Protein backbone atom coordinates (compact mmCIF):
# COMPACT_ATOMS: atom_id res chain seq x y z
CA MET A 1 0.00 0.00 0.00
CA VAL A 2 1.43 3.39 -0.98
CA PRO A 3 1.45 5.93 1.91
CA VAL A 4 -0.93 8.82 1.15
CA ARG A 5 0.72 11.59 3.16
CA PRO A 6 4.14 11.59 1.39
CA LEU A 7 2.42 11.53 -2.00
CA LEU A 8 0.18 14.45 -1.03
CA ALA A 9 3.15 16.45 0.26
CA ALA A 10 5.02 15.84 -2.97
CA LEU A 11 1.96 16.81 -5.02
CA VAL A 12 1.49 20.06 -3.12
CA ALA A 13 5.16 20.99 -3.62
CA ALA A 14 5.14 20.05 -7.29
CA SER A 15 1.89 21.90 -7.96
CA ALA A 16 3.13 25.01 -6.18
CA VAL A 17 6.21 25.05 -8.35
CA GLY A 18 3.95 25.07 -11.40
CA GLY A 19 2.15 28.16 -10.05
CA ILE A 20 -0.81 26.52 -8.28
CA VAL A 21 -1.23 25.24 -4.72
CA VAL A 22 -3.75 22.43 -4.14
CA GLY A 23 -5.99 23.45 -1.26
CA ALA A 24 -7.41 21.18 1.43
CA ALA A 25 -10.70 20.83 -0.46
CA GLY A 26 -8.93 20.11 -3.75
CA ARG A 27 -9.68 23.55 -5.21
CA SER A 28 -7.00 25.59 -7.00
CA GLU A 29 -5.65 28.70 -5.28
CA PRO A 30 -3.05 31.28 -6.35
CA ALA A 31 0.50 30.34 -5.51
CA PRO A 32 2.24 32.19 -2.65
CA PRO A 33 4.82 34.85 -3.55
CA ALA A 34 7.79 32.52 -3.05
CA VAL A 35 8.06 29.08 -4.63
CA PRO A 36 7.97 26.51 -1.80
CA THR A 37 10.55 23.80 -1.33
CA CYS A 38 9.82 20.08 -1.51
CA ALA A 39 8.53 18.86 1.84
CA GLU A 40 10.02 15.41 1.23
CA THR A 41 13.58 16.81 1.04
CA GLY A 42 13.62 18.28 4.52
CA PRO A 43 15.54 21.29 5.86
CA TYR A 44 18.61 22.42 3.98
CA ALA A 45 21.91 21.02 5.20
CA ALA A 46 25.28 21.86 3.71
CA PRO A 47 26.69 19.01 1.62
CA PRO A 48 29.86 17.19 2.67
CA PRO A 49 33.21 18.52 1.44
CA ARG A 50 33.95 17.87 -2.26
CA SER A 51 30.34 16.91 -2.92
CA VAL A 52 29.11 17.53 -6.47
CA GLY A 53 25.62 17.22 -7.90
CA THR A 54 22.42 16.11 -6.21
CA PRO A 55 23.28 14.78 -2.73
CA ALA A 56 23.09 10.98 -2.56
CA GLY A 57 20.04 9.52 -0.84
CA LEU A 58 18.05 12.76 -0.91
CA ARG A 59 14.29 12.36 -1.44
CA LEU A 60 13.08 14.58 -4.27
CA CYS A 61 9.64 15.66 -5.45
CA PRO A 62 8.79 14.83 -9.08
CA VAL A 63 7.81 17.79 -11.26
CA ARG A 64 7.23 17.89 -15.01
CA GLY A 65 7.27 20.89 -17.34
CA VAL A 66 8.86 24.32 -17.59
CA VAL A 67 9.13 26.18 -14.29
CA GLU A 68 9.17 29.93 -14.99
CA VAL A 69 10.23 31.85 -11.89
CA ARG A 70 9.05 35.47 -11.60
CA THR A 71 9.26 35.83 -7.80
CA PRO A 72 12.44 37.62 -6.60
CA GLY A 73 14.39 35.49 -4.13
CA ALA A 74 12.44 32.29 -4.86
CA VAL A 75 14.09 29.01 -3.84
CA LEU A 76 13.60 25.75 -5.75
CA ASP A 77 14.85 22.97 -3.49
CA GLY A 78 14.56 19.20 -3.85
CA LEU A 79 12.97 18.93 -7.28
CA ASP A 80 13.23 15.97 -9.64
CA LEU A 81 12.32 18.07 -12.66
CA ALA A 82 11.65 16.60 -16.08
CA GLY A 83 11.80 19.86 -18.01
CA ALA A 84 13.55 23.17 -17.40
CA VAL A 85 13.80 26.27 -15.22
CA VAL A 86 13.47 29.74 -16.76
CA VAL A 87 14.53 32.55 -14.42
CA ALA A 88 12.90 35.95 -14.97
CA ALA A 89 13.44 37.38 -11.46
CA PRO A 90 16.53 38.37 -9.46
CA ASP A 91 18.20 36.39 -6.66
CA VAL A 92 16.60 33.02 -7.41
CA VAL A 93 18.16 29.83 -5.98
CA VAL A 94 18.02 26.31 -7.43
CA ARG A 95 19.51 23.74 -5.07
CA ARG A 96 19.60 20.01 -4.27
CA SER A 97 17.70 19.11 -7.43
CA ARG A 98 17.90 17.02 -10.59
CA ILE A 99 16.92 18.49 -13.96
CA ALA A 100 16.52 16.20 -16.97
CA GLY A 101 15.85 17.46 -20.49
CA ASP A 102 13.76 15.75 -23.16
CA GLY A 103 15.02 17.81 -26.11
CA SER A 104 12.14 20.28 -26.13
CA GLN A 105 13.85 23.13 -24.22
CA PRO A 106 16.93 25.27 -24.98
CA ALA A 107 18.49 24.75 -21.54
CA GLY A 108 17.99 23.13 -18.17
CA VAL A 109 18.39 26.46 -16.38
CA ARG A 110 18.48 29.74 -18.28
CA THR A 111 18.08 33.37 -17.36
CA LEU A 112 16.03 36.03 -19.10
CA PRO A 113 16.98 39.74 -18.96
CA GLY A 114 16.52 40.92 -15.38
CA GLY A 115 16.83 37.41 -13.95
CA SER A 116 19.69 36.05 -11.84
CA VAL A 117 20.13 32.66 -10.22
CA ARG A 118 22.44 30.59 -8.07
CA ILE A 119 22.47 26.86 -8.87
CA GLU A 120 24.09 24.57 -6.32
CA ASP A 121 24.29 20.86 -5.48
CA THR A 122 22.26 20.02 -8.57
CA THR A 123 22.62 17.51 -11.43
CA LEU A 124 21.61 18.36 -15.00
CA THR A 125 21.35 15.64 -17.62
CA GLY A 126 19.57 14.61 -20.80
CA ASP A 127 18.72 16.48 -23.99
CA PHE A 128 18.63 20.25 -24.39
CA THR A 129 18.78 22.06 -27.72
CA ASP A 130 21.51 24.53 -26.58
CA ALA A 131 23.15 23.72 -23.25
CA ALA A 132 22.40 22.59 -19.71
CA LEU A 133 23.12 26.10 -18.35
CA GLU A 134 22.65 29.26 -20.40
CA GLY A 135 22.32 33.02 -20.05
CA ALA A 136 23.78 35.88 -18.03
CA THR A 137 24.11 36.63 -14.31
CA TRP A 138 24.13 33.10 -12.97
CA THR A 139 26.43 31.26 -10.57
CA ALA A 140 26.70 27.47 -10.52
CA GLU A 141 28.64 25.75 -7.76
CA ARG A 142 29.02 22.04 -7.02
CA VAL A 143 26.85 21.12 -10.00
CA GLU A 144 27.17 17.97 -12.08
CA LEU A 145 26.58 18.10 -15.83
CA THR A 146 26.45 14.58 -17.21
CA GLY A 147 24.87 12.50 -19.97
CA LEU A 148 24.28 15.59 -22.12
CA SER A 149 23.71 15.40 -25.87
CA ALA A 150 24.42 19.13 -26.30
CA ASP A 151 26.80 21.67 -24.73
CA GLY A 152 27.42 21.85 -21.00
CA ALA A 153 27.38 25.53 -20.01
CA HIS A 154 27.17 28.80 -21.96
CA LEU A 155 28.62 31.61 -19.85
CA GLY A 156 27.36 35.09 -20.68
CA PRO A 157 28.11 38.32 -18.79
CA GLY A 158 28.36 38.07 -15.01
CA THR A 159 28.46 34.27 -14.81
CA THR A 160 30.46 31.84 -12.65
CA LEU A 161 30.98 28.08 -12.93
CA ARG A 162 32.91 26.82 -9.91
CA ASN A 163 33.84 23.55 -8.16
CA SER A 164 31.75 21.46 -10.52
CA LEU A 165 32.05 18.24 -12.54
CA LEU A 166 31.29 18.03 -16.28
CA HIS A 167 31.59 14.54 -17.75
CA GLY A 168 29.89 11.72 -19.65
CA PHE A 169 28.95 13.75 -22.74
CA ASP A 170 26.99 11.90 -25.40
CA PRO A 171 26.83 14.17 -28.49
CA ALA A 172 23.80 13.86 -30.73
CA PRO A 173 24.62 12.44 -34.17
CA GLY A 174 26.07 15.07 -36.46
CA ARG A 175 26.56 17.64 -33.67
CA GLU A 176 29.78 18.97 -32.15
CA VAL A 177 29.52 19.84 -28.48
CA ASP A 178 31.69 21.89 -26.13
CA ALA A 179 31.66 21.34 -22.38
CA VAL A 180 32.08 25.04 -21.45
CA THR A 181 31.58 27.99 -23.79
CA VAL A 182 32.57 31.50 -22.66
CA THR A 183 30.82 34.17 -24.72
CA ALA A 184 31.66 37.32 -22.72
CA ALA A 185 34.14 39.03 -20.49
CA ASP A 186 33.21 39.12 -16.80
CA ALA A 187 32.85 35.32 -16.76
CA LEU A 188 34.67 32.97 -14.35
CA VAL A 189 35.43 29.26 -14.81
CA GLU A 190 37.23 28.08 -11.65
CA GLY A 191 38.09 24.86 -9.85
CA ASN A 192 36.13 22.52 -12.11
CA GLN A 193 36.80 19.06 -13.52
CA VAL A 194 35.89 19.16 -17.20
CA GLN A 195 36.10 15.78 -18.94
CA LEU A 196 34.79 16.08 -22.49
CA GLY A 197 36.16 12.74 -23.68
CA SER A 198 37.39 11.81 -27.12
CA GLY A 199 35.78 10.79 -30.39
CA PRO A 200 33.33 12.25 -32.90
CA GLY A 201 31.32 15.30 -31.88
CA ARG A 202 33.60 16.48 -29.11
CA GLY A 203 34.90 19.99 -29.75
CA SER A 204 36.56 21.63 -26.72
CA ALA A 205 36.49 21.22 -22.97
CA VAL A 206 36.61 25.04 -22.85
CA LEU A 207 35.71 27.17 -25.89
CA ILE A 208 36.16 30.93 -25.62
CA SER A 209 34.15 32.39 -28.49
CA GLY A 210 33.68 35.96 -27.28
CA PRO A 211 30.79 38.42 -27.64
CA GLY A 212 29.17 38.66 -31.03
CA SER A 213 29.91 35.04 -31.92
CA ALA A 214 27.24 32.74 -33.29
CA GLY A 215 26.82 31.05 -29.90
CA ALA A 216 26.92 34.18 -27.75
CA VAL A 217 24.09 34.56 -25.27
CA HIS A 218 22.48 37.88 -24.22
CA GLN A 219 24.61 39.75 -26.74
CA SER A 220 22.57 42.93 -26.27
CA MET A 221 23.48 43.30 -22.58
CA GLU A 222 26.02 45.97 -21.71
CA LEU A 223 28.83 45.12 -19.31
CA ASP A 224 29.48 47.46 -16.37
CA ASP A 225 33.19 47.14 -17.03
CA PRO A 226 33.99 45.52 -20.38
CA ALA A 227 37.68 45.48 -19.40
CA ASP A 228 37.01 42.74 -16.82
CA PRO A 229 38.66 39.60 -18.20
CA ALA A 230 37.15 36.23 -18.86
CA VAL A 231 38.96 34.04 -16.31
CA VAL A 232 39.70 30.30 -16.60
CA ARG A 233 41.76 29.19 -13.62
CA GLY A 234 42.48 26.23 -11.40
CA ASN A 235 40.55 23.71 -13.50
CA GLU A 236 41.44 20.17 -14.60
CA LEU A 237 40.67 19.95 -18.31
CA ALA A 238 40.54 16.91 -20.57
CA GLY A 239 39.47 15.72 -23.99
CA GLY A 240 38.14 17.32 -27.12
CA ARG A 241 39.70 18.20 -30.44
CA PHE A 242 41.33 21.17 -28.68
CA THR A 243 41.06 20.97 -24.90
CA LEU A 244 41.04 24.78 -24.67
CA LEU A 245 40.29 26.83 -27.77
CA ALA A 246 39.90 30.62 -28.01
CA THR A 247 38.38 31.73 -31.32
CA GLY A 248 36.84 35.03 -30.23
CA PRO A 249 38.02 38.58 -30.95
CA GLY A 250 41.65 39.17 -30.05
CA ASP A 251 40.73 42.15 -27.88
CA LEU A 252 38.63 40.05 -25.47
CA PRO A 253 40.67 40.15 -22.23
CA LEU A 254 41.58 36.63 -21.14
CA GLN A 255 43.22 35.24 -18.01
CA ILE A 256 44.07 31.53 -18.23
CA THR A 257 46.09 30.47 -15.21
CA GLY A 258 46.84 27.49 -12.98
CA ASN A 259 44.97 24.91 -15.05
CA ARG A 260 45.95 21.24 -15.34
CA PHE A 261 45.59 19.50 -18.71
CA ARG A 262 45.45 15.82 -19.51
CA ARG A 263 47.41 14.63 -22.53
CA ASP A 264 44.38 13.41 -24.45
CA PRO A 265 43.24 16.02 -27.02
CA ALA A 266 42.78 14.90 -30.61
CA THR A 267 44.89 17.85 -31.85
CA VAL A 268 46.60 20.08 -29.26
CA PRO A 269 45.73 21.00 -25.66
CA MET A 270 45.56 24.79 -26.19
CA ARG A 271 45.07 27.08 -29.16
CA LEU A 272 44.46 30.80 -28.70
CA ARG A 273 43.71 33.74 -30.94
CA GLY A 274 45.10 37.05 -29.68
CA ALA A 275 46.77 37.99 -26.42
CA ALA A 276 46.08 36.39 -23.05
CA ASP A 277 47.49 36.28 -19.54
CA LEU A 278 48.89 32.73 -19.50
CA ARG A 279 50.58 31.44 -16.36
CA ASP A 280 51.18 28.13 -14.58
CA ASN A 281 49.21 25.89 -16.95
CA VAL A 282 50.67 22.38 -16.73
CA PHE A 283 49.99 18.79 -17.73
CA THR A 284 48.73 16.49 -14.99
CA ASP A 285 51.88 14.38 -15.39
CA GLY A 286 54.24 17.38 -15.46
CA GLY A 287 55.48 19.89 -18.02
CA ALA A 288 54.20 23.30 -19.08
CA VAL A 289 51.32 23.68 -21.52
CA ARG A 290 52.09 26.07 -24.38
CA ARG A 291 49.63 27.84 -26.61
């Protein structure tokens, strides 16, 4: 016999995320200002050190569809979401969740102009038409991107990808994917393990394409300080045709420092266009990495 109370709690949380709360009499009522968390997940507790992705053993609430967040400061916690999150409000948080794409949405989490989000302790997987993470003004920490048929993360202005694991890419037939694509200055890629793998359809572990490129996101947004560099530092990078490739405009300020490269690219580990601050980039088994 399936317990009724846990199912009802999960249903209430899932319905609230979709914009409706199920009342005691079964009638529909307007959702509260803030998106509630999943009752099954319990109070937030910090993950153990070096944890990445959805915490093991956590009970999640199933939700299906596109969750569009328009409430400033809303927190999505403990969702097993088959669909996507679209952030149209500032200071949103997505944590301790799993987001799986079915190929119908551009990204697992993406921001619209005026939206900002922090994604933490979350796993993104499956099929998206663009990337698992996309847009401007987002921070992702301790996330796992795995089993993706498209790109991992598109970093626009004001974005950070930190202390995360990107691995297990499965490119769709006829498509070339990149694990991390930097499309703007004022973006930070730090302390991640990026394992793109080898074989057909694998472009670069890190691709720096710059503003105005075909894959750039939120191109119309103005940077507060366009001189701020795009920073790639302290990562372990592996795989791809070029493990790190910069094809963007030569005047895009770049800082690429303290990264460790595996000796497994199909061509060369690093190829850059234009000037860059290059320091302390080494192979995992020793020796300096040259451009």
